[in-house]
C-alpha atoms as a PDB file:
ATOM      1  CA  MET A   1      22.290  10.446  -0.554  1.00  0.00           C
ATOM      2  CA  ASN A   2      22.223  13.462  -2.857  1.00  0.00           C
ATOM      3  CA  PRO A   3      18.845  15.162  -3.208  1.00  0.00           C
ATOM      4  CA  LEU A   4      16.986  14.433  -6.427  1.00  0.00           C
ATOM      5  CA  GLU A   5      16.471  17.120  -9.040  1.00  0.00           C
ATOM      6  CA  THR A   6      13.064  18.776  -8.832  1.00  0.00           C
ATOM      7  CA  ARG A   7      10.920  20.068 -11.671  1.00  0.00           C
ATOM      8  CA  ARG A   8       7.867  22.312 -11.669  1.00  0.00           C
ATOM      9  CA  LEU A   9       4.727  20.223 -12.237  1.00  0.00           C
ATOM     10  CA  GLY A  10       2.972  22.619 -14.572  1.00  0.00           C
ATOM     11  CA  ARG A  11       0.454  25.077 -13.202  1.00  0.00           C
ATOM     12  CA  THR A  12       0.176  23.176  -9.918  1.00  0.00           C
ATOM     13  CA  ASN A  13       3.426  24.940  -8.996  1.00  0.00           C
ATOM     14  CA  LEU A  14       4.422  21.831  -7.066  1.00  0.00           C
ATOM     15  CA  HIS A  15       8.131  21.115  -7.417  1.00  0.00           C
ATOM     16  CA  VAL A  16       8.440  17.353  -7.708  1.00  0.00           C
ATOM     17  CA  THR A  17      11.444  15.074  -7.840  1.00  0.00           C
ATOM     18  CA  ALA A  18      12.237  13.841 -11.349  1.00  0.00           C
ATOM     19  CA  LEU A  19      11.917  10.307  -9.985  1.00  0.00           C
ATOM     20  CA  GLY A  20       8.706   9.629  -8.098  1.00  0.00           C
ATOM     21  CA  LEU A  21       7.335   6.369  -6.759  1.00  0.00           C
ATOM     22  CA  GLY A  22       4.532   4.396  -8.353  1.00  0.00           C
ATOM     23  CA  CYS A  23       2.724   2.358  -5.686  1.00  0.00           C
ATOM     24  CA  TYR A  24       0.783  -0.307  -7.573  1.00  0.00           C
ATOM     25  CA  GLN A  25       3.134  -3.250  -7.838  1.00  0.00           C
ATOM     26  CA  PHE A  26       4.185  -3.549  -4.199  1.00  0.00           C
ATOM     27  CA  THR A  27       0.763  -4.799  -3.073  1.00  0.00           C
ATOM     28  CA  SER A  28      -0.263  -8.349  -2.222  1.00  0.00           C
ATOM     29  CA  GLU A  29      -1.990  -8.412  -5.614  1.00  0.00           C
ATOM     30  CA  PHE A  30       1.546  -8.955  -6.944  1.00  0.00           C
ATOM     31  CA  ASN A  31       2.434 -11.349  -4.103  1.00  0.00           C
ATOM     32  CA  VAL A  32       4.655  -8.754  -2.436  1.00  0.00           C
ATOM     33  CA  PRO A  33       4.901  -9.175   1.346  1.00  0.00           C
ATOM     34  CA  GLN A  34       3.991  -6.066   3.311  1.00  0.00           C
ATOM     35  CA  ARG A  35       7.466  -5.932   4.872  1.00  0.00           C
ATOM     36  CA  ASP A  36       8.895  -5.414   1.370  1.00  0.00           C
ATOM     37  CA  ALA A  37       6.358  -2.679   0.643  1.00  0.00           C
ATOM     38  CA  HIS A  38       7.299  -0.984   3.915  1.00  0.00           C
ATOM     39  CA  ALA A  39      10.982  -1.157   2.936  1.00  0.00           C
ATOM     40  CA  ILE A  40      10.268   0.452  -0.449  1.00  0.00           C
ATOM     41  CA  LEU A  41       8.375   3.328   1.134  1.00  0.00           C
ATOM     42  CA  ASP A  42      11.010   3.746   3.849  1.00  0.00           C
ATOM     43  CA  LEU A  43      13.675   4.033   1.153  1.00  0.00           C
ATOM     44  CA  ALA A  44      11.594   6.547  -0.791  1.00  0.00           C
ATOM     45  CA  CYS A  45      11.443   8.658   2.347  1.00  0.00           C
ATOM     46  CA  ALA A  46      15.185   8.350   3.040  1.00  0.00           C
ATOM     47  CA  SER A  47      16.112   9.148  -0.579  1.00  0.00           C
ATOM     48  CA  GLY A  48      14.179  12.413  -0.772  1.00  0.00           C
ATOM     49  CA  ILE A  49      11.542  11.284  -3.284  1.00  0.00           C
ATOM     50  CA  ASN A  50       8.682  13.749  -2.904  1.00  0.00           C
ATOM     51  CA  LEU A  51       5.968  12.449  -5.242  1.00  0.00           C
ATOM     52  CA  VAL A  52       4.095   9.271  -4.343  1.00  0.00           C
ATOM     53  CA  ASP A  53       1.391   8.052  -6.703  1.00  0.00           C
ATOM     54  CA  THR A  54      -1.269   5.539  -5.753  1.00  0.00           C
ATOM     55  CA  ALA A  55      -4.910   4.790  -6.573  1.00  0.00           C
ATOM     56  CA  ALA A  56      -8.040   3.408  -4.957  1.00  0.00           C
ATOM     57  CA  MET A  57      -7.894   0.260  -7.063  1.00  0.00           C
ATOM     58  CA  TYR A  58      -4.229  -0.588  -6.413  1.00  0.00           C
ATOM     59  CA  GLY A  59      -4.410  -3.735  -4.355  1.00  0.00           C
ATOM     60  CA  PHE A  60      -8.104  -3.044  -3.615  1.00  0.00           C
ATOM     61  CA  GLY A  61      -7.086  -0.161  -1.332  1.00  0.00           C
ATOM     62  CA  GLU A  62      -3.984  -1.812   0.106  1.00  0.00           C
ATOM     63  CA  SER A  63      -1.617   0.594  -1.672  1.00  0.00           C
ATOM     64  CA  GLU A  64      -3.284   3.673  -0.184  1.00  0.00           C
ATOM     65  CA  GLU A  65      -3.236   1.996   3.236  1.00  0.00           C
ATOM     66  CA  LEU A  66       0.493   1.225   2.944  1.00  0.00           C
ATOM     67  CA  VAL A  67       1.254   4.811   1.950  1.00  0.00           C
ATOM     68  CA  GLY A  68      -0.816   6.068   4.876  1.00  0.00           C
ATOM     69  CA  ARG A  69       1.090   3.806   7.261  1.00  0.00           C
ATOM     70  CA  ALA A  70       4.406   5.078   5.861  1.00  0.00           C
ATOM     71  CA  LEU A  71       3.339   8.654   6.545  1.00  0.00           C
ATOM     72  CA  GLN A  72       2.576   7.627  10.126  1.00  0.00           C
ATOM     73  CA  ARG A  73       6.015   5.985  10.490  1.00  0.00           C
ATOM     74  CA  HIS A  74       7.757   9.044   9.073  1.00  0.00           C
ATOM     75  CA  PRO A  75       5.869  12.097  10.353  1.00  0.00           C
ATOM     76  CA  HIS A  76       8.580  14.407   9.011  1.00  0.00           C
ATOM     77  CA  TRP A  77       8.082  13.088   5.450  1.00  0.00           C
ATOM     78  CA  ARG A  78       5.526  15.110   3.556  1.00  0.00           C
ATOM     79  CA  PRO A  79       5.623  13.957  -0.075  1.00  0.00           C
ATOM     80  CA  HIS A  80       3.163  15.282  -2.594  1.00  0.00           C
ATOM     81  CA  LEU A  81       0.422  12.658  -2.786  1.00  0.00           C
ATOM     82  CA  SER A  82      -1.339  11.678  -5.973  1.00  0.00           C
ATOM     83  CA  THR A  83      -4.228   9.222  -6.071  1.00  0.00           C
ATOM     84  CA  LYS A  84      -7.125   8.354  -8.349  1.00  0.00           C
ATOM     85  CA  VAL A  85     -10.830   7.636  -8.383  1.00  0.00           C
ATOM     86  CA  GLY A  86     -11.982   4.873 -10.695  1.00  0.00           C
ATOM     87  CA  TRP A  87     -12.145   1.090 -11.125  1.00  0.00           C
ATOM     88  CA  LEU A  88     -15.039   1.396  -8.710  1.00  0.00           C
ATOM     89  CA  ASP A  89     -15.693  -2.347  -8.696  1.00  0.00           C
ATOM     90  CA  ARG A  90     -12.512  -2.576  -6.581  1.00  0.00           C
ATOM     91  CA  THR A  91     -13.600   0.077  -4.063  1.00  0.00           C
ATOM     92  CA  VAL A  92     -16.261   0.882  -1.441  1.00  0.00           C
ATOM     93  CA  ALA A  93     -18.528   1.961  -4.347  1.00  0.00           C
ATOM     94  CA  ARG A  94     -18.697  -1.498  -5.949  1.00  0.00           C
ATOM     95  CA  ALA A  95     -22.199  -2.395  -4.720  1.00  0.00           C
ATOM     96  CA  LYS A  96     -23.845  -0.047  -7.216  1.00  0.00           C
ATOM     97  CA  GLY A  97     -21.968  -1.351 -10.252  1.00  0.00           C
ATOM     98  CA  ASP A  98     -21.386   0.936 -13.208  1.00  0.00           C
ATOM     99  CA  ASP A  99     -24.101   3.326 -12.019  1.00  0.00           C
ATOM    100  CA  ALA A 100     -21.585   4.477  -9.391  1.00  0.00           C
ATOM    101  CA  TYR A 101     -19.594   6.322 -12.082  1.00  0.00           C
ATOM    102  CA  ARG A 102     -22.420   8.870 -12.449  1.00  0.00           C
ATOM    103  CA  ASP A 103     -23.511   8.998  -8.817  1.00  0.00           C
ATOM    104  CA  GLU A 104     -21.945  12.126  -7.294  1.00  0.00           C
ATOM    105  CA  ASP A 105     -22.625  11.098  -3.699  1.00  0.00           C
ATOM    106  CA  LEU A 106     -21.020   7.702  -4.202  1.00  0.00           C
ATOM    107  CA  LEU A 107     -18.060   9.183  -6.069  1.00  0.00           C
ATOM    108  CA  GLU A 108     -17.420  11.522  -3.165  1.00  0.00           C
ATOM    109  CA  ARG A 109     -17.708   8.566  -0.783  1.00  0.00           C
ATOM    110  CA  ALA A 110     -15.016   6.729  -2.725  1.00  0.00           C
ATOM    111  CA  ILE A 111     -12.777   9.812  -2.787  1.00  0.00           C
ATOM    112  CA  ARG A 112     -13.101  10.402   0.936  1.00  0.00           C
ATOM    113  CA  HIS A 113     -12.368   6.730   1.600  1.00  0.00           C
ATOM    114  CA  SER A 114      -9.042   7.225  -0.176  1.00  0.00           C
ATOM    115  CA  LEU A 115      -8.278  10.138   2.147  1.00  0.00           C
ATOM    116  CA  TRP A 116      -9.118   7.948   5.125  1.00  0.00           C
ATOM    117  CA  LEU A 117      -6.810   5.148   3.972  1.00  0.00           C
ATOM    118  CA  LEU A 118      -4.032   7.677   3.329  1.00  0.00           C
ATOM    119  CA  ARG A 119      -4.667   9.219   6.763  1.00  0.00           C
ATOM    120  CA  VAL A 120      -4.681  12.765   5.403  1.00  0.00           C
ATOM    121  CA  GLU A 121      -7.190  15.588   5.171  1.00  0.00           C
ATOM    122  CA  ARG A 122      -6.043  16.757   1.745  1.00  0.00           C
ATOM    123  CA  VAL A 123      -4.424  15.246  -1.341  1.00  0.00           C
ATOM    124  CA  ASP A 124      -2.256  17.304  -3.693  1.00  0.00           C
ATOM    125  CA  ILE A 125      -3.489  15.574  -6.858  1.00  0.00           C
ATOM    126  CA  PHE A 126      -6.669  13.575  -7.442  1.00  0.00           C
ATOM    127  CA  MET A 127      -7.120  11.966 -10.848  1.00  0.00           C
ATOM    128  CA  VAL A 128      -9.858  10.416 -12.938  1.00  0.00           C
ATOM    129  CA  HIS A 129      -8.581   6.869 -13.469  1.00  0.00           C
ATOM    130  CA  GLU A 130      -8.930   5.589 -17.070  1.00  0.00           C
ATOM    131  CA  PRO A 131     -10.852   8.595 -18.446  1.00  0.00           C
ATOM    132  CA  ASP A 132     -11.494   6.811 -21.755  1.00  0.00           C
ATOM    133  CA  TRP A 133     -14.048   4.507 -20.125  1.00  0.00           C
ATOM    134  CA  PRO A 134     -17.531   5.415 -21.474  1.00  0.00           C
ATOM    135  CA  LYS A 135     -19.095   4.675 -18.077  1.00  0.00           C
ATOM    136  CA  TRP A 136     -17.796   8.036 -16.767  1.00  0.00           C
ATOM    137  CA  GLY A 137     -20.000   9.956 -19.191  1.00  0.00           C
ATOM    138  CA  LEU A 138     -17.090  12.332 -19.873  1.00  0.00           C
ATOM    139  CA  GLU A 139     -17.670  14.843 -22.636  1.00  0.00           C
ATOM    140  CA  TYR A 140     -14.291  15.069 -24.330  1.00  0.00           C
ATOM    141  CA  LYS A 141     -14.901  18.520 -25.831  1.00  0.00           C
ATOM    142  CA  THR A 142     -15.867  20.180 -22.555  1.00  0.00           C
ATOM    143  CA  GLY A 143     -14.669  17.869 -19.795  1.00  0.00           C
ATOM    144  CA  ASP A 144     -18.161  17.738 -18.287  1.00  0.00           C
ATOM    145  CA  ALA A 145     -19.035  14.680 -16.190  1.00  0.00           C
ATOM    146  CA  PRO A 146     -20.419  13.868 -12.737  1.00  0.00           C
ATOM    147  CA  VAL A 147     -16.909  13.060 -11.502  1.00  0.00           C
ATOM    148  CA  MET A 148     -15.711  16.485 -12.616  1.00  0.00           C
ATOM    149  CA  ARG A 149     -18.454  18.221 -10.683  1.00  0.00           C
ATOM    150  CA  VAL A 150     -17.358  16.355  -7.558  1.00  0.00           C
ATOM    151  CA  LEU A 151     -13.644  16.967  -8.062  1.00  0.00           C
ATOM    152  CA  GLU A 152     -14.077  20.654  -8.884  1.00  0.00           C
ATOM    153  CA  ARG A 153     -16.232  21.183  -5.807  1.00  0.00           C
ATOM    154  CA  LEU A 154     -13.717  19.404  -3.580  1.00  0.00           C
ATOM    155  CA  LYS A 155     -10.948  21.501  -5.116  1.00  0.00           C
ATOM    156  CA  LYS A 156     -12.819  24.671  -4.129  1.00  0.00           C
ATOM    157  CA  GLU A 157     -13.130  23.227  -0.614  1.00  0.00           C
ATOM    158  CA  ASN A 158      -9.340  22.621  -0.589  1.00  0.00           C
ATOM    159  CA  VAL A 159      -9.779  18.883  -0.122  1.00  0.00           C
ATOM    160  CA  ILE A 160      -7.975  18.449  -3.458  1.00  0.00           C
ATOM    161  CA  GLY A 161      -5.103  20.556  -4.702  1.00  0.00           C
ATOM    162  CA  ALA A 162      -5.121  19.646  -8.403  1.00  0.00           C
ATOM    163  CA  ILE A 163      -7.344  17.656 -10.747  1.00  0.00           C
ATOM    164  CA  GLY A 164      -5.744  15.154 -13.074  1.00  0.00           C
ATOM    165  CA  LEU A 165      -6.160  12.318 -15.535  1.00  0.00           C
ATOM    166  CA  GLY A 166      -4.481   8.936 -15.314  1.00  0.00           C
ATOM    167  CA  GLY A 167      -4.586   6.448 -18.159  1.00  0.00           C
ATOM    168  CA  TRP A 168      -3.064   4.880 -21.257  1.00  0.00           C
ATOM    169  CA  ASN A 169      -5.090   6.473 -24.060  1.00  0.00           C
ATOM    170  CA  CYS A 170      -3.043   9.428 -25.295  1.00  0.00           C
ATOM    171  CA  ASP A 171      -5.735  10.715 -27.657  1.00  0.00           C
ATOM    172  CA  VAL A 172      -8.390  10.912 -24.927  1.00  0.00           C
ATOM    173  CA  ILE A 173      -5.922  12.529 -22.533  1.00  0.00           C
ATOM    174  CA  ALA A 174      -4.977  15.117 -25.164  1.00  0.00           C
ATOM    175  CA  ASP A 175      -8.647  15.889 -25.903  1.00  0.00           C
ATOM    176  CA  LEU A 176      -9.413  16.421 -22.226  1.00  0.00           C
ATOM    177  CA  LEU A 177      -6.308  18.507 -21.590  1.00  0.00           C
ATOM    178  CA  SER A 178      -7.443  20.777 -24.416  1.00  0.00           C
ATOM    179  CA  THR A 179     -10.534  21.689 -22.378  1.00  0.00           C
ATOM    180  CA  GLY A 180      -8.272  23.513 -19.922  1.00  0.00           C
ATOM    181  CA  ARG A 181      -9.969  21.888 -16.907  1.00  0.00           C
ATOM    182  CA  PHE A 182      -7.163  19.547 -15.875  1.00  0.00           C
ATOM    183  CA  ASP A 183      -3.981  20.440 -14.020  1.00  0.00           C
ATOM    184  CA  VAL A 184      -2.040  17.186 -14.339  1.00  0.00           C
ATOM    185  CA  ALA A 185      -1.881  14.133 -16.598  1.00  0.00           C
ATOM    186  CA  LEU A 186      -0.358  10.790 -15.720  1.00  0.00           C
ATOM    187  CA  VAL A 187       0.369   9.173 -19.066  1.00  0.00           C
ATOM    188  CA  ALA A 188       1.006   5.444 -18.725  1.00  0.00           C
ATOM    189  CA  GLY A 189       3.018   4.004 -21.591  1.00  0.00           C
ATOM    190  CA  GLY A 190       3.376   7.431 -23.201  1.00  0.00           C
ATOM    191  CA  LEU A 191       7.138   7.150 -23.466  1.00  0.00           C
ATOM    192  CA  SER A 192       9.469   4.169 -23.361  1.00  0.00           C
ATOM    193  CA  LEU A 193      12.496   2.834 -25.196  1.00  0.00           C
ATOM    194  CA  VAL A 194      10.195   1.522 -27.962  1.00  0.00           C
ATOM    195  CA  ALA A 195       7.285   3.993 -28.064  1.00  0.00           C
ATOM    196  CA  GLN A 196       6.799   7.766 -27.909  1.00  0.00           C
ATOM    197  CA  PRO A 197       3.071   8.482 -28.439  1.00  0.00           C
ATOM    198  CA  ILE A 198       3.086  11.206 -25.766  1.00  0.00           C
ATOM    199  CA  PHE A 199       4.768  13.654 -28.149  1.00  0.00           C
ATOM    200  CA  THR A 200       2.092  13.532 -30.864  1.00  0.00           C
ATOM    201  CA  ARG A 201      -0.722  15.347 -29.037  1.00  0.00           C
ATOM    202  CA  VAL A 202      -0.359  15.153 -25.259  1.00  0.00           C
ATOM    203  CA  ILE A 203       2.782  17.256 -24.877  1.00  0.00           C
ATOM    204  CA  PRO A 204       1.536  20.035 -27.211  1.00  0.00           C
ATOM    205  CA  ALA A 205      -1.773  20.201 -25.295  1.00  0.00           C
ATOM    206  CA  ALA A 206       0.072  20.176 -21.978  1.00  0.00           C
ATOM    207  CA  LYS A 207       2.316  23.040 -23.047  1.00  0.00           C
ATOM    208  CA  THR A 208      -0.662  25.095 -24.190  1.00  0.00           C
ATOM    209  CA  HIS A 209      -2.405  24.755 -20.825  1.00  0.00           C
ATOM    210  CA  ASP A 210       0.691  24.458 -18.598  1.00  0.00           C
ATOM    211  CA  VAL A 211      -0.333  20.972 -17.470  1.00  0.00           C
ATOM    212  CA  GLY A 212       1.992  18.900 -15.304  1.00  0.00           C
ATOM    213  CA  ILE A 213       3.126  15.634 -16.904  1.00  0.00           C
ATOM    214  CA  ILE A 214       3.730  12.447 -14.916  1.00  0.00           C
ATOM    215  CA  LEU A 215       4.983   9.372 -16.748  1.00  0.00           C
ATOM    216  CA  GLY A 216       4.186   5.790 -15.833  1.00  0.00           C
ATOM    217  CA  GLY A 217       4.700   2.492 -17.599  1.00  0.00           C
ATOM    218  CA  ALA A 218       8.092   3.378 -19.093  1.00  0.00           C
ATOM    219  CA  LEU A 219       9.349  -0.099 -18.261  1.00  0.00           C
ATOM    220  CA  GLY A 220       6.329  -1.719 -19.890  1.00  0.00           C
ATOM    221  CA  GLN A 221       5.235  -2.950 -16.444  1.00  0.00           C
ATOM    222  CA  GLY A 222       8.250  -5.235 -16.650  1.00  0.00           C
ATOM    223  CA  GLY A 223       7.228  -6.773 -19.988  1.00  0.00           C
ATOM    224  CA  LEU A 224      10.183  -5.401 -21.964  1.00  0.00           C
ATOM    225  CA  VAL A 225      12.878  -5.616 -19.316  1.00  0.00           C
ATOM    226  CA  VAL A 226      12.389  -9.169 -18.040  1.00  0.00           C
ATOM    227  CA  LYS A 227      15.460 -11.422 -18.202  1.00  0.00           C
ATOM    228  CA  ASP A 228      13.912 -14.073 -20.452  1.00  0.00           C
ATOM    229  CA  ARG A 229      14.427 -12.276 -23.759  1.00  0.00           C
ATOM    230  CA  PRO A 230      13.621 -15.273 -25.987  1.00  0.00           C
ATOM    231  CA  ALA A 231      10.211 -15.593 -24.359  1.00  0.00           C
ATOM    232  CA  VAL A 232       9.523 -11.881 -24.845  1.00  0.00           C
ATOM    233  CA  LEU A 233      10.554 -11.998 -28.498  1.00  0.00           C
ATOM    234  CA  ALA A 234       8.546 -15.185 -29.155  1.00  0.00           C
ATOM    235  CA  LYS A 235       5.446 -13.589 -27.656  1.00  0.00           C
ATOM    236  CA  ILE A 236       5.863 -10.439 -29.765  1.00  0.00           C
ATOM    237  CA  ALA A 237       6.508 -12.410 -32.943  1.00  0.00           C
ATOM    238  CA  ALA A 238       3.438 -14.563 -32.339  1.00  0.00           C
ATOM    239  CA  GLY A 239       1.328 -11.409 -32.348  1.00  0.00           C
ATOM    240  CA  ASP A 240       2.591 -10.405 -35.796  1.00  0.00           C
ATOM    241  CA  ARG A 241       3.774  -7.016 -34.488  1.00  0.00           C
ATOM    242  CA  VAL A 242       6.562  -6.637 -37.030  1.00  0.00           C
ATOM    243  CA  ASP A 243       7.620  -3.054 -36.321  1.00  0.00           C
ATOM    244  CA  TYR A 244       7.446  -3.468 -32.557  1.00  0.00           C
ATOM    245  CA  HIS A 245       9.525  -6.634 -32.860  1.00  0.00           C
ATOM    246  CA  ARG A 246      12.153  -4.678 -34.795  1.00  0.00           C
ATOM    247  CA  LYS A 247      12.277  -1.961 -32.154  1.00  0.00           C
ATOM    248  CA  VAL A 248      12.691  -4.437 -29.318  1.00  0.00           C
ATOM    249  CA  LEU A 249      15.508  -6.224 -31.149  1.00  0.00           C
ATOM    250  CA  GLU A 250      17.312  -2.932 -31.760  1.00  0.00           C
ATOM    251  CA  ILE A 251      16.923  -1.800 -28.161  1.00  0.00           C
ATOM    252  CA  TYR A 252      18.176  -5.159 -26.891  1.00  0.00           C
ATOM    253  CA  ALA A 253      21.199  -4.803 -29.188  1.00  0.00           C
ATOM    254  CA  LEU A 254      21.858  -1.261 -27.939  1.00  0.00           C
ATOM    255  CA  SER A 255      21.608  -2.397 -24.317  1.00  0.00           C
ATOM    256  CA  ASP A 256      24.118  -5.186 -24.979  1.00  0.00           C
ATOM    257  CA  GLU A 257      26.499  -2.887 -26.827  1.00  0.00           C
ATOM    258  CA  LEU A 258      26.470  -0.293 -24.036  1.00  0.00           C
ATOM    259  CA  GLN A 259      26.466  -2.981 -21.329  1.00  0.00           C
ATOM    260  CA  LEU A 260      23.620  -1.099 -19.673  1.00  0.00           C
ATOM    261  CA  ALA A 261      20.661  -2.941 -18.179  1.00  0.00           C
ATOM    262  CA  LEU A 262      17.381  -2.046 -19.839  1.00  0.00           C
ATOM    263  CA  PRO A 263      15.796  -0.599 -16.664  1.00  0.00           C
ATOM    264  CA  GLU A 264      18.748   1.781 -16.204  1.00  0.00           C
ATOM    265  CA  LEU A 265      18.694   2.772 -19.868  1.00  0.00           C
ATOM    266  CA  ALA A 266      14.951   3.453 -19.714  1.00  0.00           C
ATOM    267  CA  VAL A 267      15.084   5.456 -16.474  1.00  0.00           C
ATOM    268  CA  ARG A 268      17.954   7.596 -17.716  1.00  0.00           C
ATOM    269  CA  TYR A 269      16.319   8.125 -21.106  1.00  0.00           C
ATOM    270  CA  VAL A 270      13.094   9.349 -19.494  1.00  0.00           C
ATOM    271  CA  LEU A 271      15.186  11.659 -17.297  1.00  0.00           C
ATOM    272  CA  SER A 272      16.530  13.322 -20.459  1.00  0.00           C
ATOM    273  CA  GLN A 273      13.040  14.446 -21.516  1.00  0.00           C
ATOM    274  CA  ARG A 274      12.384  17.813 -19.870  1.00  0.00           C
ATOM    275  CA  GLU A 275       8.711  17.750 -20.878  1.00  0.00           C
ATOM    276  CA  ILE A 276       8.300  14.840 -18.461  1.00  0.00           C
ATOM    277  CA  HIS A 277       8.200  16.419 -15.018  1.00  0.00           C
ATOM    278  CA  THR A 278       8.410  13.192 -13.040  1.00  0.00           C
ATOM    279  CA  HIS A 279       8.659   9.469 -13.715  1.00  0.00           C
ATOM    280  CA  ILE A 280       6.792   7.293 -11.215  1.00  0.00           C
ATOM    281  CA  ALA A 281       8.695   4.050 -11.730  1.00  0.00           C
ATOM    282  CA  GLY A 282       7.247   1.242  -9.651  1.00  0.00           C
ATOM    283  CA  ALA A 283       9.021  -1.352  -7.507  1.00  0.00           C
ATOM    284  CA  ARG A 284       8.298  -4.763  -6.021  1.00  0.00           C
ATOM    285  CA  HIS A 285      11.398  -4.772  -3.838  1.00  0.00           C
ATOM    286  CA  ALA A 286      13.607  -2.089  -2.322  1.00  0.00           C
ATOM    287  CA  THR A 287      16.452  -3.170  -4.614  1.00  0.00           C
ATOM    288  CA  HIS A 288      14.355  -2.060  -7.615  1.00  0.00           C
ATOM    289  CA  LEU A 289      14.036   1.429  -6.176  1.00  0.00           C
ATOM    290  CA  GLU A 290      17.729   1.442  -5.266  1.00  0.00           C
ATOM    291  CA  ALA A 291      18.572   0.655  -8.906  1.00  0.00           C
ATOM    292  CA  ASN A 292      16.296   3.435 -10.170  1.00  0.00           C
ATOM    293  CA  LEU A 293      17.861   5.931  -7.772  1.00  0.00           C
ATOM    294  CA  ALA A 294      21.335   4.867  -8.887  1.00  0.00           C
ATOM    295  CA  ALA A 295      20.317   5.293 -12.529  1.00  0.00           C
ATOM    296  CA  VAL A 296      18.989   8.806 -11.897  1.00  0.00           C
ATOM    297  CA  ALA A 297      22.212   9.680 -10.054  1.00  0.00           C
ATOM    298  CA  LYS A 298      24.139   8.937 -13.283  1.00  0.00           C
ATOM    299  CA  GLY A 299      22.051  11.478 -15.185  1.00  0.00           C
ATOM    300  CA  PRO A 300      20.667  11.275 -18.733  1.00  0.00           C
ATOM    301  CA  PRO A 301      22.517   9.238 -21.354  1.00  0.00           C
ATOM    302  CA  PRO A 302      24.953  11.074 -23.639  1.00  0.00           C
ATOM    303  CA  PRO A 303      23.277  12.908 -26.541  1.00  0.00           C
ATOM    304  CA  GLU A 304      24.475  10.338 -29.070  1.00  0.00           C
ATOM    305  CA  ILE A 305      22.751   7.534 -27.159  1.00  0.00           C
ATOM    306  CA  ILE A 306      19.533   9.559 -26.876  1.00  0.00           C
ATOM    307  CA  ALA A 307      19.693  10.082 -30.639  1.00  0.00           C
ATOM    308  CA  ARG A 308      20.052   6.357 -31.245  1.00  0.00           C
ATOM    309  CA  ILE A 309      17.047   5.546 -29.063  1.00  0.00           C
ATOM    310  CA  GLU A 310      14.991   8.133 -30.914  1.00  0.00           C
ATOM    311  CA  ALA A 311      16.177   6.751 -34.262  1.00  0.00           C
ATOM    312  CA  VAL A 312      14.818   3.335 -33.265  1.00  0.00           C
ATOM    313  CA  ASN A 313      11.435   5.000 -32.828  1.00  0.00           C
ATOM    314  CA  SER A 314      11.599   7.116 -35.970  1.00  0.00           C
ATOM    315  CA  PRO A 315       8.607   6.592 -38.343  1.00  0.00           C
ATOM    316  CA  ALA A 316      11.063   6.933 -41.199  1.00  0.00           C
ATOM    317  CA  LEU A 317      12.419   3.496 -40.329  1.00  0.00           C
ATOM    318  CA  VAL A 318       9.030   1.773 -40.415  1.00  0.00           C
END
């Protein structure tokens, strides 16, 4: 299998494959048998993927454990690891409730538990998970918060390579990137076939501070690309989301015209965006990852197709 293209992940100076692996949806939380999760990770290793993203809350720790087991099975595989601290009610810090988000000792305990599950002494990227949650006490103008004091200290101790943010709120991510204290941002839902909010503020802030950009949620966590189109359209229409409904209809029509499956179209479209350093598409079965790898191997869509996707998302059409 041909090696994947690598891109520099901002000021981390890590060179990551343009397709990474998101490790949420192969847990038992999504009724995925562990043998299937093992197969996904084994394929990621064999394919040359070198960025693996997980989090403490994914499967209540199961995702980090599965990644750690994969590293044990494949001692020659040394992907760049990204994980997150947050959703503490799903971690070893849950006994203290929301107070845990401002307890530096407990935050460090949760972080070190992630390292233990991953079976490593150091993680390349550690992120604040859902930084828009008020319980963190994050000051958006300065980036100050108990979790930042812990992460910055662990970075100085070389337990963490880079500090990041992982979430869906583009405005909060942009505000925090503007403080200059974050090395990486994982923007879930920031770019898809029917939405491009990442370009309004996040990408400009990232360019200013040379922040690495990881994209998640480009497939809408499966919501846009499921086979039952009538059900998807009925659900959207019931919510009175007129413009979103229009976009989905136009993207479905484009997919049919090109005879390209929506997942392939989405993966290849994201690949065309050089500001996105890596796309951590998830998988619930090895065939999903195989399809994503095959899509990346075909390269970005032709410029005229990219232009049509962007026209669907143009505010001028609203």
